[in-house]
Amino acid sequence: MSGFTIVELLIVIIVIGILATITTVALSGVQARANDSSRLSDVASVKKALSLYKTDNGSFPATQPNPGNNSFEISTDPGFLGSLSNYTASETFKDPANTPSKAYWYNRFAAGQYGCPASLGAYYVFWVKGGMQTQSSARIDSGPCSSQTLFATTPTAGAWTVDSDDYILYGF
């Protein structure tokens, strides 16, 4: 009789299991980095489109608020940033997960609101909420608005609390 013994078969099955586990762990990091790269690409595209929109129209687009979210427009809603369609080759901006807890948020604010100097004029906030998987702490890119009071990394009265997987961009 020729063939494999049960011990040999078990060893092969264990080795295959170990290799499958290693592959799964390695690929999960790749997926997170790919999603974050997609999010940062969207941030750059939105920033460029908003700049072009402001050049043509004299201001940033009005927000189409999501009820219950303090006037932010959210990517889970139909028509998110639809006013930018002429500037984005009909690209739609949606977080790779695009769930209520992982989405893009946009709002336009009047000059001088939330600690930003009125001399800077009206501004927008583009928030990648709950999606950045490979950064270790929240990133708030407030530009010249260094004394902003809209976002905080710890609970603060009157401010949105951000988590380590949030990225926020201010534009002027």
Protein backbone atom coordinates (compact mmCIF):
# COMPACT_ATOMS: atom_id res chain seq x y z
CA MET A 1 0.00 0.00 0.00
CA SER A 2 1.18 3.43 -0.85
CA GLY A 3 -0.23 6.77 0.26
CA PHE A 4 0.03 9.37 2.95
CA THR A 5 -0.26 8.71 6.64
CA ILE A 6 -2.65 10.66 8.77
CA VAL A 7 0.25 12.44 10.46
CA GLU A 8 1.59 13.65 7.10
CA LEU A 9 -1.85 14.90 6.08
CA LEU A 10 -2.29 16.76 9.38
CA ILE A 11 1.12 18.42 8.99
CA VAL A 12 0.19 19.61 5.48
CA ILE A 13 -3.17 20.96 6.70
CA ILE A 14 -1.48 22.81 9.59
CA VAL A 15 1.12 24.35 7.25
CA ILE A 16 -1.63 25.50 4.85
CA GLY A 17 -3.55 27.02 7.78
CA ILE A 18 -0.48 28.92 8.97
CA LEU A 19 0.20 30.26 5.46
CA ALA A 20 -3.45 31.33 5.07
CA THR A 21 -3.33 33.21 8.37
CA ILE A 22 -0.11 35.00 7.46
CA THR A 23 -1.54 36.00 4.05
CA THR A 24 -4.78 37.29 5.57
CA VAL A 25 -2.95 39.44 8.12
CA ALA A 26 -0.60 40.83 5.47
CA LEU A 27 -3.44 41.69 3.09
CA SER A 28 -5.56 43.43 5.73
CA GLY A 29 -2.86 46.10 6.14
CA VAL A 30 -2.69 46.56 2.39
CA GLN A 31 -6.46 47.13 2.22
CA ALA A 32 -6.33 49.75 4.99
CA ARG A 33 -3.49 51.63 3.26
CA ALA A 34 -5.33 51.47 -0.07
CA ASN A 35 -8.51 52.89 1.49
CA ASP A 36 -6.56 55.69 3.18
CA SER A 37 -4.82 56.48 -0.10
CA SER A 38 -8.21 56.71 -1.80
CA ARG A 39 -9.47 59.04 0.95
CA LEU A 40 -6.44 61.34 0.64
CA SER A 41 -6.88 61.39 -3.14
CA ASP A 42 -10.51 62.44 -2.64
CA VAL A 43 -9.41 65.17 -0.20
CA ALA A 44 -6.99 66.56 -2.82
CA SER A 45 -9.65 66.41 -5.56
CA VAL A 46 -12.28 68.11 -3.39
CA LYS A 47 -9.79 70.80 -2.35
CA LYS A 48 -8.97 71.54 -5.99
CA ALA A 49 -12.63 71.50 -7.09
CA LEU A 50 -13.65 73.83 -4.22
CA SER A 51 -10.87 76.25 -5.15
CA LEU A 52 -12.01 76.29 -8.79
CA TYR A 53 -15.63 76.73 -7.72
CA LYS A 54 -14.71 79.69 -5.53
CA THR A 55 -12.70 81.27 -8.36
CA ASP A 56 -15.69 81.04 -10.70
CA ASN A 57 -18.46 81.88 -8.22
CA GLY A 58 -16.83 84.10 -5.61
CA SER A 59 -17.62 81.77 -2.71
CA PHE A 60 -17.61 78.12 -1.74
CA PRO A 61 -20.77 76.12 -2.52
CA ALA A 62 -23.64 76.29 -0.09
CA THR A 63 -24.11 73.27 2.12
CA GLN A 64 -27.06 70.94 1.50
CA PRO A 65 -27.43 69.92 5.15
CA ASN A 66 -28.23 66.47 6.46
CA PRO A 67 -31.02 66.75 9.03
CA GLY A 68 -29.74 65.98 12.50
CA ASN A 69 -26.06 66.68 11.78
CA ASN A 70 -25.74 70.40 12.54
CA SER A 71 -25.79 71.57 8.93
CA PHE A 72 -23.03 69.34 7.54
CA GLU A 73 -23.52 67.78 4.13
CA ILE A 74 -22.65 64.06 4.32
CA SER A 75 -21.44 61.66 1.61
CA THR A 76 -24.06 59.05 2.51
CA ASP A 77 -26.72 61.46 1.23
CA PRO A 78 -27.68 61.58 -2.46
CA GLY A 79 -26.14 64.49 -4.34
CA PHE A 80 -23.21 65.00 -1.96
CA LEU A 81 -21.21 68.00 -3.25
CA GLY A 82 -23.22 67.88 -6.47
CA SER A 83 -22.43 71.55 -7.04
CA LEU A 84 -18.86 70.51 -7.87
CA SER A 85 -19.81 68.26 -10.79
CA ASN A 86 -18.54 70.80 -13.36
CA TYR A 87 -15.12 70.75 -11.68
CA THR A 88 -14.61 67.02 -11.09
CA ALA A 89 -15.36 65.30 -14.42
CA SER A 90 -18.56 63.96 -12.81
CA GLU A 91 -16.56 62.23 -10.07
CA THR A 92 -18.63 61.48 -6.99
CA PHE A 93 -16.97 61.62 -3.61
CA LYS A 94 -17.75 58.74 -1.31
CA ASP A 95 -15.67 57.21 1.45
CA PRO A 96 -14.64 53.62 0.55
CA ALA A 97 -16.83 52.37 3.44
CA ASN A 98 -19.45 55.17 3.15
CA THR A 99 -21.42 54.26 6.24
CA PRO A 100 -22.88 56.65 8.83
CA SER A 101 -19.73 56.21 10.96
CA LYS A 102 -17.26 56.42 8.04
CA ALA A 103 -18.15 59.18 5.61
CA TYR A 104 -17.10 62.56 4.22
CA TRP A 105 -18.65 65.67 5.78
CA TYR A 106 -18.64 69.16 4.24
CA ASN A 107 -19.75 72.55 5.51
CA ARG A 108 -19.21 76.18 4.57
CA PHE A 109 -18.82 78.71 7.38
CA ALA A 110 -19.06 82.49 7.44
CA ALA A 111 -15.98 84.58 8.15
CA GLY A 112 -15.02 84.73 11.81
CA GLN A 113 -16.91 81.65 12.97
CA TYR A 114 -15.43 79.14 15.42
CA GLY A 115 -12.25 81.02 16.22
CA CYS A 116 -11.08 81.65 12.65
CA PRO A 117 -10.14 85.30 12.05
CA ALA A 118 -12.78 87.22 10.08
CA SER A 119 -9.98 88.66 7.94
CA LEU A 120 -9.54 85.21 6.36
CA GLY A 121 -13.06 85.33 4.95
CA ALA A 122 -15.55 82.51 4.57
CA TYR A 123 -14.11 79.02 4.71
CA TYR A 124 -15.06 75.38 4.33
CA VAL A 125 -14.38 72.28 6.37
CA PHE A 126 -14.00 68.88 4.70
CA TRP A 127 -14.02 66.10 7.29
CA VAL A 128 -13.02 62.48 6.67
CA LYS A 129 -14.98 61.13 9.61
CA GLY A 130 -13.93 57.80 11.06
CA GLY A 131 -12.05 56.40 8.12
CA MET A 132 -8.31 56.95 8.28
CA GLN A 133 -7.11 53.54 9.43
CA THR A 134 -3.34 53.98 9.24
CA GLN A 135 -2.85 57.25 11.13
CA SER A 136 -2.15 57.20 14.85
CA SER A 137 -3.92 60.43 15.85
CA ALA A 138 -6.54 62.85 14.54
CA ARG A 139 -5.25 65.26 11.90
CA ILE A 140 -6.72 68.76 11.87
CA ASP A 141 -5.26 70.78 8.99
CA SER A 142 -6.70 74.18 9.89
CA GLY A 143 -4.16 76.21 7.91
CA PRO A 144 -4.04 79.83 9.04
CA CYS A 145 -6.91 79.23 11.48
CA SER A 146 -4.67 77.99 14.29
CA SER A 147 -7.09 79.04 17.02
CA GLN A 148 -10.08 77.13 15.60
CA THR A 149 -12.69 75.99 18.14
CA LEU A 150 -14.86 73.79 15.91
CA PHE A 151 -12.98 70.52 16.57
CA ALA A 152 -11.21 69.11 19.61
CA THR A 153 -9.44 65.84 20.34
CA THR A 154 -10.94 65.72 23.84
CA PRO A 155 -14.55 66.52 24.77
CA THR A 156 -14.88 70.31 24.81
CA ALA A 157 -18.05 72.36 25.16
CA GLY A 158 -19.24 73.65 21.78
CA ALA A 159 -16.79 71.58 19.72
CA TRP A 160 -17.04 68.37 17.74
CA THR A 161 -14.85 65.68 19.32
CA VAL A 162 -12.65 63.94 16.77
CA ASP A 163 -11.14 60.48 16.97
CA SER A 164 -7.73 59.19 15.92
CA ASP A 165 -9.14 58.06 12.58
CA ASP A 166 -10.47 61.50 11.58
CA TYR A 167 -8.89 63.90 9.09
CA ILE A 168 -10.12 67.49 8.82
CA LEU A 169 -9.18 70.04 6.18
CA TYR A 170 -9.96 73.74 6.38
CA GLY A 171 -9.98 75.73 3.13
CA PHE A 172 -9.94 79.47 2.59
